[in-house]
Amino acid sequence: TNSIIKLFLSIANSIFSLGPISVSDDENIVIWTAESSDGKPLIAVFNVSSENRNITVDLSEYGVFGKYVLRDLWKKEDIAEVESTFACDVNCHGAKIYKLI
């Protein structure tokens, strides 16, 4: 998981206007947000547990409102239209990084 966090920090520091902000950090899940250089929200979801998890992200908890297209930055593909929440399957010690466009 540390290498994934370092990758996210590297991406955030090189292309995003604001560095990442840790907005959720419980025993098994870490969720970070940042703002891209074009002002779009970025959300990283980390599963720090030893089990695969389905993680639901409530966008309103992070000040994100409205309809967006959820883009997986690693896969470089649009996943779905989202409005208030989205769920993602994250492998143990894994991460997903999304941009809301």
C-alpha atoms as a PDB file:
ATOM      1  CA  THR A   1       0.000   0.000   0.000  1.00  0.00           C
ATOM      2  CA  ASN A   2       2.874   2.419   0.684  1.00  0.00           C
ATOM      3  CA  SER A   3       3.966   2.260  -2.964  1.00  0.00           C
ATOM      4  CA  ILE A   4       0.413   3.092  -4.061  1.00  0.00           C
ATOM      5  CA  ILE A   5       0.289   6.062  -1.692  1.00  0.00           C
ATOM      6  CA  LYS A   6       3.670   7.260  -3.025  1.00  0.00           C
ATOM      7  CA  LEU A   7       2.336   6.959  -6.590  1.00  0.00           C
ATOM      8  CA  PHE A   8      -0.728   9.020  -5.694  1.00  0.00           C
ATOM      9  CA  LEU A   9       1.435  11.672  -4.017  1.00  0.00           C
ATOM     10  CA  SER A  10       3.677  11.781  -7.062  1.00  0.00           C
ATOM     11  CA  ILE A  11       0.694  12.237  -9.384  1.00  0.00           C
ATOM     12  CA  ALA A  12      -0.854  14.857  -7.123  1.00  0.00           C
ATOM     13  CA  ASN A  13       2.371  16.815  -6.729  1.00  0.00           C
ATOM     14  CA  SER A  14       3.152  16.813 -10.436  1.00  0.00           C
ATOM     15  CA  ILE A  15      -0.203  17.517 -12.107  1.00  0.00           C
ATOM     16  CA  PHE A  16      -2.675  18.741  -9.523  1.00  0.00           C
ATOM     17  CA  SER A  17      -2.997  22.294  -8.350  1.00  0.00           C
ATOM     18  CA  LEU A  18      -3.667  21.249  -4.758  1.00  0.00           C
ATOM     19  CA  GLY A  19      -1.911  18.449  -2.938  1.00  0.00           C
ATOM     20  CA  PRO A  20      -3.935  15.525  -1.640  1.00  0.00           C
ATOM     21  CA  ILE A  21      -6.059  15.951   1.453  1.00  0.00           C
ATOM     22  CA  SER A  22      -6.746  12.957   3.684  1.00  0.00           C
ATOM     23  CA  VAL A  23     -10.455  13.100   4.326  1.00  0.00           C
ATOM     24  CA  SER A  24     -11.125   9.654   5.697  1.00  0.00           C
ATOM     25  CA  ASP A  25      -8.823   7.365   7.567  1.00  0.00           C
ATOM     26  CA  ASP A  26     -10.346   4.549   9.525  1.00  0.00           C
ATOM     27  CA  GLU A  27      -8.917   1.177  10.427  1.00  0.00           C
ATOM     28  CA  ASN A  28      -9.423  -0.362   6.970  1.00  0.00           C
ATOM     29  CA  ILE A  29     -10.180   2.414   4.481  1.00  0.00           C
ATOM     30  CA  VAL A  30      -8.367   5.609   3.533  1.00  0.00           C
ATOM     31  CA  ILE A  31      -9.984   8.097   1.163  1.00  0.00           C
ATOM     32  CA  TRP A  32      -8.091  11.117  -0.144  1.00  0.00           C
ATOM     33  CA  THR A  33      -9.305  13.966  -2.300  1.00  0.00           C
ATOM     34  CA  ALA A  34      -7.488  16.531  -4.399  1.00  0.00           C
ATOM     35  CA  GLU A  35      -8.409  19.025  -7.064  1.00  0.00           C
ATOM     36  CA  SER A  36      -7.017  18.599 -10.567  1.00  0.00           C
ATOM     37  CA  SER A  37      -5.407  21.480 -12.430  1.00  0.00           C
ATOM     38  CA  ASP A  38      -8.673  21.871 -14.366  1.00  0.00           C
ATOM     39  CA  GLY A  39     -10.671  22.078 -11.120  1.00  0.00           C
ATOM     40  CA  LYS A  40     -12.191  18.594 -11.278  1.00  0.00           C
ATOM     41  CA  PRO A  41     -12.350  16.419  -8.140  1.00  0.00           C
ATOM     42  CA  LEU A  42      -9.917  13.546  -7.720  1.00  0.00           C
ATOM     43  CA  ILE A  43     -10.701  10.737  -5.293  1.00  0.00           C
ATOM     44  CA  ALA A  44      -8.317   7.974  -4.220  1.00  0.00           C
ATOM     45  CA  VAL A  45      -9.688   4.986  -2.311  1.00  0.00           C
ATOM     46  CA  PHE A  46      -7.214   2.797  -0.405  1.00  0.00           C
ATOM     47  CA  ASN A  47      -8.041  -0.555   1.175  1.00  0.00           C
ATOM     48  CA  VAL A  48      -5.438  -1.085   3.895  1.00  0.00           C
ATOM     49  CA  SER A  49      -7.019  -4.275   5.221  1.00  0.00           C
ATOM     50  CA  SER A  50      -6.054  -7.876   4.510  1.00  0.00           C
ATOM     51  CA  GLU A  51      -9.390  -8.585   2.809  1.00  0.00           C
ATOM     52  CA  ASN A  52     -10.910  -7.480  -0.492  1.00  0.00           C
ATOM     53  CA  ARG A  53     -13.614  -4.859   0.117  1.00  0.00           C
ATOM     54  CA  ASN A  54     -16.514  -3.186  -1.616  1.00  0.00           C
ATOM     55  CA  ILE A  55     -16.201   0.457  -0.573  1.00  0.00           C
ATOM     56  CA  THR A  56     -18.976   3.022  -0.951  1.00  0.00           C
ATOM     57  CA  VAL A  57     -17.924   6.652  -1.320  1.00  0.00           C
ATOM     58  CA  ASP A  58     -20.463   9.330  -0.367  1.00  0.00           C
ATOM     59  CA  LEU A  59     -19.398  12.299  -2.481  1.00  0.00           C
ATOM     60  CA  SER A  60     -21.251  14.820  -0.310  1.00  0.00           C
ATOM     61  CA  GLU A  61     -18.905  13.980   2.588  1.00  0.00           C
ATOM     62  CA  TYR A  62     -16.127  15.499   0.476  1.00  0.00           C
ATOM     63  CA  GLY A  63     -18.026  18.563  -0.706  1.00  0.00           C
ATOM     64  CA  VAL A  64     -18.770  17.106  -4.138  1.00  0.00           C
ATOM     65  CA  PHE A  65     -22.282  17.663  -5.492  1.00  0.00           C
ATOM     66  CA  GLY A  66     -23.834  17.205  -8.919  1.00  0.00           C
ATOM     67  CA  LYS A  67     -23.604  14.652 -11.703  1.00  0.00           C
ATOM     68  CA  TYR A  68     -20.211  13.456 -12.897  1.00  0.00           C
ATOM     69  CA  VAL A  69     -18.643  10.789 -15.028  1.00  0.00           C
ATOM     70  CA  LEU A  70     -16.382   8.576 -12.900  1.00  0.00           C
ATOM     71  CA  ARG A  71     -13.064   8.091 -14.718  1.00  0.00           C
ATOM     72  CA  ASP A  72     -10.596   5.400 -13.606  1.00  0.00           C
ATOM     73  CA  LEU A  73      -7.204   7.057 -14.001  1.00  0.00           C
ATOM     74  CA  TRP A  74      -5.207   3.818 -14.069  1.00  0.00           C
ATOM     75  CA  LYS A  75      -7.435   2.109 -16.623  1.00  0.00           C
ATOM     76  CA  LYS A  76      -7.899   5.401 -18.508  1.00  0.00           C
ATOM     77  CA  GLU A  77     -11.590   4.695 -18.997  1.00  0.00           C
ATOM     78  CA  ASP A  78     -14.914   6.117 -17.940  1.00  0.00           C
ATOM     79  CA  ILE A  79     -16.687   3.785 -15.514  1.00  0.00           C
ATOM     80  CA  ALA A  80     -20.161   5.225 -14.873  1.00  0.00           C
ATOM     81  CA  GLU A  81     -22.234   8.323 -14.288  1.00  0.00           C
ATOM     82  CA  VAL A  82     -22.430   9.139 -10.585  1.00  0.00           C
ATOM     83  CA  GLU A  83     -24.370  11.681  -8.587  1.00  0.00           C
ATOM     84  CA  SER A  84     -24.187  11.216  -4.838  1.00  0.00           C
ATOM     85  CA  THR A  85     -22.355   7.939  -4.213  1.00  0.00           C
ATOM     86  CA  PHE A  86     -20.356   5.279  -5.961  1.00  0.00           C
ATOM     87  CA  ALA A  87     -19.025   1.900  -4.903  1.00  0.00           C
ATOM     88  CA  CYS A  88     -15.814   0.211  -5.936  1.00  0.00           C
ATOM     89  CA  ASP A  89     -14.230  -3.151  -5.331  1.00  0.00           C
ATOM     90  CA  VAL A  90     -10.722  -2.704  -3.957  1.00  0.00           C
ATOM     91  CA  ASN A  91      -8.385  -5.634  -3.437  1.00  0.00           C
ATOM     92  CA  CYS A  92      -6.614  -6.076  -0.109  1.00  0.00           C
ATOM     93  CA  HIS A  93      -3.815  -3.514   0.212  1.00  0.00           C
ATOM     94  CA  GLY A  94      -5.019  -2.022  -3.079  1.00  0.00           C
ATOM     95  CA  ALA A  95      -6.215   1.326  -4.351  1.00  0.00           C
ATOM     96  CA  LYS A  96      -8.384   2.981  -6.970  1.00  0.00           C
ATOM     97  CA  ILE A  97      -7.878   6.518  -8.243  1.00  0.00           C
ATOM     98  CA  TYR A  98     -10.710   8.357  -9.943  1.00  0.00           C
ATOM     99  CA  LYS A  99     -11.330  11.720 -11.543  1.00  0.00           C
ATOM    100  CA  LEU A 100     -14.845  13.116 -11.635  1.00  0.00           C
ATOM    101  CA  ILE A 101     -15.425  14.758 -15.019  1.00  0.00           C
END
